[in-house]
C-alpha cells in the first residue's frame, strides 16, 4: 500500500473531521452552502497542507492499456451462484 509518510500516523477520521470543519467554516463565513467547486478547492488546499499527494504516481497508474480496454472494471473471481 502506498501512502504519504506525512500522514502515516494520523487516523483517517481526524483528517475527515478537519476537512469537514473547513467546509463548514467557509459555509458559515459566506452565510450559504458551499458549491462543489469551492469544496474541491478546500480539499486540494487541505491535501497540500497535509502533504497527502504522493511524490510520483504509483506504478499501477502508468501501466500500458490492455487491448480489451476494460482497465476500469473490477472482476470478482468468487464462487459462482447457481440457480
PDB file of N, CA and C in Angstrom:
ATOM      1  N   UNK A   1       0.842  -1.178   0.000  1.00  0.00           N
ATOM      2  CA  UNK A   1       0.000   0.000   0.000  1.00  0.00           C
ATOM      3  C   UNK A   1       0.889   1.243   0.000  1.00  0.00           C
ATOM      4  N   UNK A   2       0.612   2.154  -0.883  1.00  0.00           N
ATOM      5  CA  UNK A   2       1.384   3.380  -0.981  1.00  0.00           C
ATOM      6  C   UNK A   2       0.630   4.468  -0.236  1.00  0.00           C
ATOM      7  N   UNK A   3       1.330   5.181   0.635  1.00  0.00           N
ATOM      8  CA  UNK A   3       0.702   6.274   1.351  1.00  0.00           C
ATOM      9  C   UNK A   3       1.717   7.370   1.589  1.00  0.00           C
ATOM     10  N   UNK A   4       1.224   8.554   1.874  1.00  0.00           N
ATOM     11  CA  UNK A   4       2.104   9.657   2.193  1.00  0.00           C
ATOM     12  C   UNK A   4       2.681   9.444   3.582  1.00  0.00           C
ATOM     13  N   UNK A   5       3.996   9.562   3.721  1.00  0.00           N
ATOM     14  CA  UNK A   5       4.627   9.379   5.025  1.00  0.00           C
ATOM     15  C   UNK A   5       4.227  10.475   5.994  1.00  0.00           C
ATOM     16  N   UNK A   6       3.803  11.627   5.488  1.00  0.00           N
ATOM     17  CA  UNK A   6       3.445  12.747   6.355  1.00  0.00           C
ATOM     18  C   UNK A   6       2.219  12.447   7.207  1.00  0.00           C
ATOM     19  N   UNK A   7       1.310  11.623   6.722  1.00  0.00           N
ATOM     20  CA  UNK A   7       0.073  11.345   7.454  1.00  0.00           C
ATOM     21  C   UNK A   7      -0.024   9.893   7.898  1.00  0.00           C
ATOM     22  N   UNK A   8       1.077   9.192   7.897  1.00  0.00           N
ATOM     23  CA  UNK A   8       1.057   7.774   8.225  1.00  0.00           C
ATOM     24  C   UNK A   8       0.490   7.504   9.611  1.00  0.00           C
ATOM     25  N   UNK A   9       0.679   8.412  10.570  1.00  0.00           N
ATOM     26  CA  UNK A   9       0.200   8.178  11.929  1.00  0.00           C
ATOM     27  C   UNK A   9      -1.094   8.885  12.260  1.00  0.00           C
ATOM     28  N   UNK A  10      -1.677   9.629  11.338  1.00  0.00           N
ATOM     29  CA  UNK A  10      -2.913  10.377  11.608  1.00  0.00           C
ATOM     30  C   UNK A  10      -4.102   9.533  11.175  1.00  0.00           C
ATOM     31  N   UNK A  11      -5.063   9.290  12.091  1.00  0.00           N
ATOM     32  CA  UNK A  11      -6.238   8.497  11.708  1.00  0.00           C
ATOM     33  C   UNK A  11      -7.067   9.200  10.634  1.00  0.00           C
ATOM     34  N   UNK A  12      -7.666   8.407   9.771  1.00  0.00           N
ATOM     35  CA  UNK A  12      -8.497   8.943   8.695  1.00  0.00           C
ATOM     36  C   UNK A  12      -9.631   9.797   9.252  1.00  0.00           C
ATOM     37  N   UNK A  13     -10.198   9.369  10.380  1.00  0.00           N
ATOM     38  CA  UNK A  13     -11.306  10.112  10.987  1.00  0.00           C
ATOM     39  C   UNK A  13     -10.895  11.548  11.322  1.00  0.00           C
ATOM     40  N   UNK A  14      -9.659  11.733  11.782  1.00  0.00           N
ATOM     41  CA  UNK A  14      -9.179  13.073  12.120  1.00  0.00           C
ATOM     42  C   UNK A  14      -9.026  13.931  10.870  1.00  0.00           C
ATOM     43  N   UNK A  15      -8.531  13.349   9.798  1.00  0.00           N
ATOM     44  CA  UNK A  15      -8.388  14.087   8.541  1.00  0.00           C
ATOM     45  C   UNK A  15      -9.749  14.484   7.979  1.00  0.00           C
ATOM     46  N   UNK A  16     -10.707  13.559   8.049  1.00  0.00           N
ATOM     47  CA  UNK A  16     -12.059  13.841   7.546  1.00  0.00           C
ATOM     48  C   UNK A  16     -12.722  14.918   8.390  1.00  0.00           C
ATOM     49  N   UNK A  17     -12.556  14.855   9.717  1.00  0.00           N
ATOM     50  CA  UNK A  17     -13.145  15.859  10.608  1.00  0.00           C
ATOM     51  C   UNK A  17     -12.561  17.240  10.318  1.00  0.00           C
ATOM     52  N   UNK A  18     -11.246  17.308  10.086  1.00  0.00           N
ATOM     53  CA  UNK A  18     -10.607  18.584   9.773  1.00  0.00           C
ATOM     54  C   UNK A  18     -11.129  19.141   8.460  1.00  0.00           C
ATOM     55  N   UNK A  19     -11.236  18.297   7.462  1.00  0.00           N
ATOM     56  CA  UNK A  19     -11.754  18.733   6.165  1.00  0.00           C
ATOM     57  C   UNK A  19     -13.199  19.198   6.278  1.00  0.00           C
ATOM     58  N   UNK A  20     -14.025  18.453   7.008  1.00  0.00           N
ATOM     59  CA  UNK A  20     -15.417  18.854   7.207  1.00  0.00           C
ATOM     60  C   UNK A  20     -15.525  20.175   7.935  1.00  0.00           C
ATOM     61  N   UNK A  21     -14.659  20.386   8.910  1.00  0.00           N
ATOM     62  CA  UNK A  21     -14.654  21.654   9.639  1.00  0.00           C
ATOM     63  C   UNK A  21     -14.292  22.822   8.748  1.00  0.00           C
ATOM     64  N   UNK A  22     -13.391  22.600   7.839  1.00  0.00           N
ATOM     65  CA  UNK A  22     -13.015  23.661   6.899  1.00  0.00           C
ATOM     66  C   UNK A  22     -14.190  24.032   5.987  1.00  0.00           C
ATOM     67  N   UNK A  23     -14.873  23.015   5.466  1.00  0.00           N
ATOM     68  CA  UNK A  23     -16.031  23.281   4.594  1.00  0.00           C
ATOM     69  C   UNK A  23     -17.121  24.013   5.372  1.00  0.00           C
ATOM     70  N   UNK A  24     -17.356  23.591   6.604  1.00  0.00           N
ATOM     71  CA  UNK A  24     -18.378  24.239   7.427  1.00  0.00           C
ATOM     72  C   UNK A  24     -17.977  25.681   7.736  1.00  0.00           C
ATOM     73  N   UNK A  25     -16.697  25.910   8.004  1.00  0.00           N
ATOM     74  CA  UNK A  25     -16.222  27.262   8.282  1.00  0.00           C
ATOM     75  C   UNK A  25     -16.431  28.200   7.106  1.00  0.00           C
ATOM     76  N   UNK A  26     -16.128  27.734   5.911  1.00  0.00           N
ATOM     77  CA  UNK A  26     -16.335  28.548   4.706  1.00  0.00           C
ATOM     78  C   UNK A  26     -17.828  28.823   4.524  1.00  0.00           C
ATOM     79  N   UNK A  27     -18.647  27.823   4.751  1.00  0.00           N
ATOM     80  CA  UNK A  27     -20.093  27.980   4.612  1.00  0.00           C
ATOM     81  C   UNK A  27     -20.625  29.034   5.582  1.00  0.00           C
ATOM     82  N   UNK A  28     -20.169  28.990   6.822  1.00  0.00           N
ATOM     83  CA  UNK A  28     -20.611  29.983   7.815  1.00  0.00           C
ATOM     84  C   UNK A  28     -20.102  31.375   7.475  1.00  0.00           C
ATOM     85  N   UNK A  29     -18.873  31.459   6.988  1.00  0.00           N
ATOM     86  CA  UNK A  29     -18.292  32.746   6.648  1.00  0.00           C
ATOM     87  C   UNK A  29     -19.080  33.444   5.540  1.00  0.00           C
ATOM     88  N   UNK A  30     -19.514  32.677   4.555  1.00  0.00           N
ATOM     89  CA  UNK A  30     -20.250  33.288   3.439  1.00  0.00           C
ATOM     90  C   UNK A  30     -21.767  33.200   3.619  1.00  0.00           C
ATOM     91  N   UNK A  31     -22.218  32.677   4.742  1.00  0.00           N
ATOM     92  CA  UNK A  31     -23.652  32.580   5.083  1.00  0.00           C
ATOM     93  C   UNK A  31     -24.469  31.815   4.053  1.00  0.00           C
ATOM     94  N   UNK A  32     -23.858  30.843   3.435  1.00  0.00           N
ATOM     95  CA  UNK A  32     -24.579  29.983   2.488  1.00  0.00           C
ATOM     96  C   UNK A  32     -23.771  28.705   2.292  1.00  0.00           C
ATOM     97  N   UNK A  33     -24.424  27.720   1.723  1.00  0.00           N
ATOM     98  CA  UNK A  33     -23.754  26.443   1.468  1.00  0.00           C
ATOM     99  C   UNK A  33     -22.644  26.625   0.438  1.00  0.00           C
ATOM    100  N   UNK A  34     -21.630  25.786   0.541  1.00  0.00           N
ATOM    101  CA  UNK A  34     -20.539  25.836  -0.430  1.00  0.00           C
ATOM    102  C   UNK A  34     -20.942  25.117  -1.707  1.00  0.00           C
ATOM    103  N   UNK A  35     -20.356  25.549  -2.802  1.00  0.00           N
ATOM    104  CA  UNK A  35     -20.569  24.891  -4.082  1.00  0.00           C
ATOM    105  C   UNK A  35     -19.523  23.803  -4.259  1.00  0.00           C
ATOM    106  N   UNK A  36     -19.792  22.887  -5.164  1.00  0.00           N
ATOM    107  CA  UNK A  36     -18.888  21.772  -5.416  1.00  0.00           C
ATOM    108  C   UNK A  36     -17.483  22.263  -5.744  1.00  0.00           C
ATOM    109  N   UNK A  37     -17.392  23.287  -6.591  1.00  0.00           N
ATOM    110  CA  UNK A  37     -16.089  23.818  -6.989  1.00  0.00           C
ATOM    111  C   UNK A  37     -15.341  24.369  -5.781  1.00  0.00           C
ATOM    112  N   UNK A  38     -16.041  25.039  -4.878  1.00  0.00           N
ATOM    113  CA  UNK A  38     -15.403  25.555  -3.658  1.00  0.00           C
ATOM    114  C   UNK A  38     -14.897  24.404  -2.777  1.00  0.00           C
ATOM    115  N   UNK A  39     -15.717  23.369  -2.653  1.00  0.00           N
ATOM    116  CA  UNK A  39     -15.317  22.226  -1.837  1.00  0.00           C
ATOM    117  C   UNK A  39     -14.098  21.519  -2.421  1.00  0.00           C
ATOM    118  N   UNK A  40     -14.008  21.448  -3.743  1.00  0.00           N
ATOM    119  CA  UNK A  40     -12.813  20.875  -4.374  1.00  0.00           C
ATOM    120  C   UNK A  40     -11.580  21.708  -4.044  1.00  0.00           C
ATOM    121  N   UNK A  41     -11.728  23.025  -4.079  1.00  0.00           N
ATOM    122  CA  UNK A  41     -10.617  23.900  -3.730  1.00  0.00           C
ATOM    123  C   UNK A  41     -10.177  23.697  -2.288  1.00  0.00           C
ATOM    124  N   UNK A  42     -11.148  23.557  -1.372  1.00  0.00           N
ATOM    125  CA  UNK A  42     -10.843  23.302   0.036  1.00  0.00           C
ATOM    126  C   UNK A  42     -10.133  21.958   0.180  1.00  0.00           C
ATOM    127  N   UNK A  43     -10.617  20.953  -0.539  1.00  0.00           N
ATOM    128  CA  UNK A  43      -9.997  19.627  -0.494  1.00  0.00           C
ATOM    129  C   UNK A  43      -8.548  19.666  -0.971  1.00  0.00           C
ATOM    130  N   UNK A  44      -8.290  20.329  -2.099  1.00  0.00           N
ATOM    131  CA  UNK A  44      -6.931  20.389  -2.630  1.00  0.00           C
ATOM    132  C   UNK A  44      -6.008  21.179  -1.709  1.00  0.00           C
ATOM    133  N   UNK A  45      -6.498  22.271  -1.131  1.00  0.00           N
ATOM    134  CA  UNK A  45      -5.701  23.057  -0.187  1.00  0.00           C
ATOM    135  C   UNK A  45      -5.352  22.216   1.035  1.00  0.00           C
ATOM    136  N   UNK A  46      -6.351  21.502   1.551  1.00  0.00           N
ATOM    137  CA  UNK A  46      -6.148  20.624   2.704  1.00  0.00           C
ATOM    138  C   UNK A  46      -5.120  19.535   2.378  1.00  0.00           C
ATOM    139  N   UNK A  47      -5.242  18.921   1.211  1.00  0.00           N
ATOM    140  CA  UNK A  47      -4.326  17.857   0.800  1.00  0.00           C
ATOM    141  C   UNK A  47      -2.894  18.381   0.656  1.00  0.00           C
ATOM    142  N   UNK A  48      -2.745  19.586   0.131  1.00  0.00           N
ATOM    143  CA  UNK A  48      -1.407  20.174   0.008  1.00  0.00           C
ATOM    144  C   UNK A  48      -0.802  20.451   1.385  1.00  0.00           C
ATOM    145  N   UNK A  49      -1.602  21.026   2.284  1.00  0.00           N
ATOM    146  CA  UNK A  49      -1.101  21.352   3.625  1.00  0.00           C
ATOM    147  C   UNK A  49      -0.724  20.099   4.408  1.00  0.00           C
ATOM    148  N   UNK A  50      -1.499  19.033   4.253  1.00  0.00           N
ATOM    149  CA  UNK A  50      -1.235  17.786   4.970  1.00  0.00           C
ATOM    150  C   UNK A  50      -0.249  16.886   4.235  1.00  0.00           C
ATOM    151  N   UNK A  51       0.207  17.340   3.075  1.00  0.00           N
ATOM    152  CA  UNK A  51       1.135  16.564   2.233  1.00  0.00           C
ATOM    153  C   UNK A  51       0.557  15.183   1.911  1.00  0.00           C
ATOM    154  N   UNK A  52      -0.691  15.177   1.445  1.00  0.00           N
ATOM    155  CA  UNK A  52      -1.368  13.933   1.109  1.00  0.00           C
ATOM    156  C   UNK A  52      -1.064  13.452  -0.307  1.00  0.00           C
ATOM    157  N   UNK A  53      -0.583  14.346  -1.151  1.00  0.00           N
ATOM    158  CA  UNK A  53      -0.266  13.960  -2.520  1.00  0.00           C
ATOM    159  C   UNK A  53       1.024  13.152  -2.544  1.00  0.00           C
ATOM    160  N   UNK A  54       1.048  12.120  -3.332  1.00  0.00           N
ATOM    161  CA  UNK A  54       2.249  11.293  -3.474  1.00  0.00           C
ATOM    162  C   UNK A  54       3.266  12.023  -4.345  1.00  0.00           C
ATOM    163  N   UNK A  55       4.562  11.812  -4.102  1.00  0.00           N
ATOM    164  CA  UNK A  55       5.580  12.494  -4.909  1.00  0.00           C
ATOM    165  C   UNK A  55       5.570  12.067  -6.374  1.00  0.00           C
ATOM    166  N   UNK A  56       5.125  10.854  -6.635  1.00  0.00           N
ATOM    167  CA  UNK A  56       5.022  10.374  -8.018  1.00  0.00           C
ATOM    168  C   UNK A  56       3.879   9.371  -8.098  1.00  0.00           C
ATOM    169  N   UNK A  57       3.314   9.192  -9.278  1.00  0.00           N
ATOM    170  CA  UNK A  57       2.192   8.253  -9.404  1.00  0.00           C
ATOM    171  C   UNK A  57       2.635   6.812  -9.149  1.00  0.00           C
ATOM    172  N   UNK A  58       1.766   6.008  -8.540  1.00  0.00           N
ATOM    173  CA  UNK A  58       2.093   4.593  -8.350  1.00  0.00           C
ATOM    174  C   UNK A  58       2.274   3.889  -9.701  1.00  0.00           C
ATOM    175  N   UNK A  59       3.035   2.822  -9.705  1.00  0.00           N
ATOM    176  CA  UNK A  59       3.318   2.085 -10.943  1.00  0.00           C
ATOM    177  C   UNK A  59       2.037   1.604 -11.612  1.00  0.00           C
ATOM    178  N   UNK A  60       1.013   1.302 -10.821  1.00  0.00           N
ATOM    179  CA  UNK A  60      -0.245   0.813 -11.387  1.00  0.00           C
ATOM    180  C   UNK A  60      -0.880   1.826 -12.332  1.00  0.00           C
ATOM    181  N   UNK A  61      -0.654   3.106 -12.099  1.00  0.00           N
ATOM    182  CA  UNK A  61      -1.265   4.135 -12.945  1.00  0.00           C
ATOM    183  C   UNK A  61      -0.515   4.362 -14.242  1.00  0.00           C
ATOM    184  N   UNK A  62       0.703   3.873 -14.330  1.00  0.00           N
ATOM    185  CA  UNK A  62       1.480   4.061 -15.548  1.00  0.00           C
ATOM    186  C   UNK A  62       1.506   2.801 -16.412  1.00  0.00           C
ATOM    187  N   UNK A  63       0.686   1.829 -16.036  1.00  0.00           N
ATOM    188  CA  UNK A  63       0.616   0.571 -16.785  1.00  0.00           C
ATOM    189  C   UNK A  63       0.014   0.816 -18.167  1.00  0.00           C
ATOM    190  N   UNK A  64       0.515   0.137 -19.155  1.00  0.00           N
ATOM    191  CA  UNK A  64       0.015   0.260 -20.528  1.00  0.00           C
ATOM    192  C   UNK A  64      -1.379  -0.360 -20.610  1.00  0.00           C
ATOM    193  N   UNK A  65      -2.260   0.271 -21.348  1.00  0.00           N
ATOM    194  CA  UNK A  65      -3.616  -0.240 -21.509  1.00  0.00           C
ATOM    195  C   UNK A  65      -3.609  -1.590 -22.202  1.00  0.00           C
ATOM    196  N   UNK A  66      -4.590  -2.408 -21.839  1.00  0.00           N
ATOM    197  CA  UNK A  66      -4.755  -3.699 -22.494  1.00  0.00           C
ATOM    198  C   UNK A  66      -5.586  -3.497 -23.755  1.00  0.00           C
ATOM    199  N   UNK A  67      -5.506  -4.445 -24.657  1.00  0.00           N
ATOM    200  CA  UNK A  67      -6.248  -4.329 -25.909  1.00  0.00           C
ATOM    201  C   UNK A  67      -7.746  -4.244 -25.698  1.00  0.00           C
ATOM    202  N   UNK A  68      -8.252  -4.965 -24.691  1.00  0.00           N
ATOM    203  CA  UNK A  68      -9.697  -5.007 -24.483  1.00  0.00           C
ATOM    204  C   UNK A  68     -10.245  -3.682 -23.964  1.00  0.00           C
ATOM    205  N   UNK A  69      -9.439  -2.945 -23.193  1.00  0.00           N
ATOM    206  CA  UNK A  69      -9.872  -1.642 -22.709  1.00  0.00           C
ATOM    207  C   UNK A  69     -10.770  -1.680 -21.491  1.00  0.00           C
ATOM    208  N   UNK A  70     -10.683  -2.715 -20.684  1.00  0.00           N
ATOM    209  CA  UNK A  70     -11.536  -2.824 -19.503  1.00  0.00           C
ATOM    210  C   UNK A  70     -10.772  -2.543 -18.211  1.00  0.00           C
ATOM    211  N   UNK A  71      -9.804  -1.655 -18.245  1.00  0.00           N
ATOM    212  CA  UNK A  71      -8.992  -1.396 -17.062  1.00  0.00           C
ATOM    213  C   UNK A  71      -9.821  -0.816 -15.919  1.00  0.00           C
ATOM    214  N   UNK A  72     -10.926  -0.172 -16.255  1.00  0.00           N
ATOM    215  CA  UNK A  72     -11.761   0.453 -15.222  1.00  0.00           C
ATOM    216  C   UNK A  72     -12.659  -0.555 -14.507  1.00  0.00           C
ATOM    217  N   UNK A  73     -12.777  -1.740 -15.036  1.00  0.00           N
ATOM    218  CA  UNK A  73     -13.675  -2.731 -14.441  1.00  0.00           C
ATOM    219  C   UNK A  73     -12.956  -3.556 -13.387  1.00  0.00           C
ATOM    220  N   UNK A  74     -13.702  -3.968 -12.393  1.00  0.00           N
ATOM    221  CA  UNK A  74     -13.175  -4.828 -11.344  1.00  0.00           C
ATOM    222  C   UNK A  74     -13.827  -6.188 -11.503  1.00  0.00           C
ATOM    223  N   UNK A  75     -13.020  -7.220 -11.569  1.00  0.00           N
ATOM    224  CA  UNK A  75     -13.543  -8.559 -11.764  1.00  0.00           C
ATOM    225  C   UNK A  75     -13.518  -9.307 -10.447  1.00  0.00           C
ATOM    226  N   UNK A  76     -14.573 -10.030 -10.174  1.00  0.00           N
ATOM    227  CA  UNK A  76     -14.666 -10.830  -8.956  1.00  0.00           C
ATOM    228  C   UNK A  76     -14.614 -12.290  -9.341  1.00  0.00           C
ATOM    229  N   UNK A  77     -13.659 -13.010  -8.771  1.00  0.00           N
ATOM    230  CA  UNK A  77     -13.491 -14.415  -9.110  1.00  0.00           C
ATOM    231  C   UNK A  77     -13.935 -15.293  -7.949  1.00  0.00           C
ATOM    232  N   UNK A  78     -15.066 -14.954  -7.355  1.00  0.00           N
ATOM    233  CA  UNK A  78     -15.578 -15.729  -6.235  1.00  0.00           C
ATOM    234  C   UNK A  78     -16.383 -16.932  -6.697  1.00  0.00           C
ATOM    235  N   UNK A  79     -17.072 -17.556  -5.762  1.00  0.00           N
ATOM    236  CA  UNK A  79     -17.895 -18.720  -6.105  1.00  0.00           C
ATOM    237  C   UNK A  79     -19.044 -18.309  -7.008  1.00  0.00           C
ATOM    238  N   UNK A  80     -19.350 -19.151  -7.956  1.00  0.00           N
ATOM    239  CA  UNK A  80     -20.463 -18.887  -8.859  1.00  0.00           C
ATOM    240  C   UNK A  80     -21.760 -19.336  -8.204  1.00  0.00           C
ATOM    241  N   UNK A  81     -22.754 -18.487  -8.241  1.00  0.00           N
ATOM    242  CA  UNK A  81     -24.060 -18.840  -7.670  1.00  0.00           C
ATOM    243  C   UNK A  81     -24.871 -19.543  -8.742  1.00  0.00           C
ATOM    244  N   UNK A  82     -25.355 -20.711  -8.424  1.00  0.00           N
ATOM    245  CA  UNK A  82     -26.156 -21.476  -9.384  1.00  0.00           C
ATOM    246  C   UNK A  82     -27.632 -21.394  -8.993  1.00  0.00           C
ATOM    247  N   UNK A  83     -28.463 -21.215  -9.989  1.00  0.00           N
ATOM    248  CA  UNK A  83     -29.918 -21.138  -9.736  1.00  0.00           C
ATOM    249  C   UNK A  83     -30.556 -22.497  -9.795  1.00  0.00           C
TER     250      UNK A  83
END
